[in-house]
Protein backbone atom coordinates (compact mmCIF):
# COMPACT_ATOMS: atom_id res chain seq x y z
CA UNK A 1 10.24 7.80 -5.91
CA UNK A 2 12.30 4.66 -5.35
CA UNK A 3 9.70 2.80 -3.25
CA UNK A 4 6.70 1.58 -5.23
CA UNK A 5 3.41 0.85 -3.46
CA UNK A 6 1.41 -2.00 -5.02
CA UNK A 7 -1.74 -1.86 -2.89
CA UNK A 8 -3.88 -1.53 -6.02
CA UNK A 9 -2.43 -4.78 -7.41
CA UNK A 10 -3.22 -6.65 -4.20
CA UNK A 11 -6.70 -5.11 -4.04
CA UNK A 12 -7.39 -6.35 -7.57
CA UNK A 13 -6.07 -9.84 -6.77
CA UNK A 14 -8.34 -10.07 -3.72
CA UNK A 15 -11.25 -8.36 -5.52
CA UNK A 16 -11.47 -5.89 -2.64
CA UNK A 17 -12.45 -2.22 -2.77
CA UNK A 18 -10.56 0.65 -1.16
CA UNK A 19 -13.62 1.15 1.06
CA UNK A 20 -13.51 -2.44 2.28
CA UNK A 21 -9.75 -2.26 2.92
CA UNK A 22 -10.20 1.00 4.79
CA UNK A 23 -12.80 -0.58 7.05
CA UNK A 24 -10.71 -3.71 7.70
CA UNK A 25 -7.52 -1.76 8.43
CA UNK A 26 -9.16 1.03 10.41
CA UNK A 27 -7.69 3.98 8.52
CA UNK A 28 -9.46 6.52 6.34
CA UNK A 29 -10.03 6.05 2.64
CA UNK A 30 -8.04 9.25 2.12
CA UNK A 31 -4.99 7.71 3.81
CA UNK A 32 -5.35 4.47 1.82
CA UNK A 33 -5.55 6.62 -1.31
CA UNK A 34 -2.38 8.51 -0.33
CA UNK A 35 -0.57 5.19 0.08
CA UNK A 36 -2.04 3.73 -3.10
CA UNK A 37 -1.02 6.73 -5.18
CA UNK A 38 2.55 6.77 -3.88
CA UNK A 39 2.16 10.14 -2.14
CA UNK A 40 2.98 8.84 1.36
CA UNK A 41 6.31 9.78 2.94
CA UNK A 42 6.15 6.99 5.53
CA UNK A 43 4.03 4.09 6.76
CA UNK A 44 3.80 2.75 10.29
CA UNK A 45 4.65 -0.90 10.76
CA UNK A 46 1.31 -1.36 12.53
CA UNK A 47 -0.50 -0.02 9.44
CA UNK A 48 1.59 -2.19 7.13
CA UNK A 49 0.81 -5.20 9.32
CA UNK A 50 -2.93 -4.43 9.27
CA UNK A 51 -2.88 -4.07 5.46
CA UNK A 52 -1.02 -7.37 5.09
CA UNK A 53 -3.51 -9.08 7.41
CA UNK A 54 -6.50 -7.64 5.51
CA UNK A 55 -5.06 -8.57 2.11
CA UNK A 56 -3.52 -11.88 3.28
CA UNK A 57 -0.14 -10.96 1.80
CA UNK A 58 3.47 -10.19 2.72
CA UNK A 59 5.00 -6.68 2.94
CA UNK A 60 7.03 -7.50 -0.19
CA UNK A 61 3.76 -7.98 -2.08
CA UNK A 62 2.87 -4.36 -1.32
CA UNK A 63 6.27 -2.63 -1.35
CA UNK A 64 8.88 -2.73 -4.09
CA UNK A 65 12.17 -0.89 -4.61
CA UNK A 66 12.98 0.66 -7.97
CA UNK A 67 16.39 2.24 -8.45
CA UNK A 68 16.06 5.85 -9.61
CA UNK A 69 18.08 6.87 -12.64
CA UNK A 70 20.70 9.49 -11.75
CA UNK A 71 19.89 12.94 -13.07
CA UNK A 72 22.26 14.35 -15.65
């Protein structure tokens, strides 16, 4: 996947648990886990905004782009 999700890095920096983030954002721990593990196909801007607010960070702190190597 070309988009890397760094929620776990931000959680560690803020010393916050997935449970606490889930409560602050208002989405299930299962959905946070899907995002955290890079299994999500999409994220709503409202969810991204809530995560950024809860973690006091910018979207670029959570999302990164990594160019995939072409398959041979």
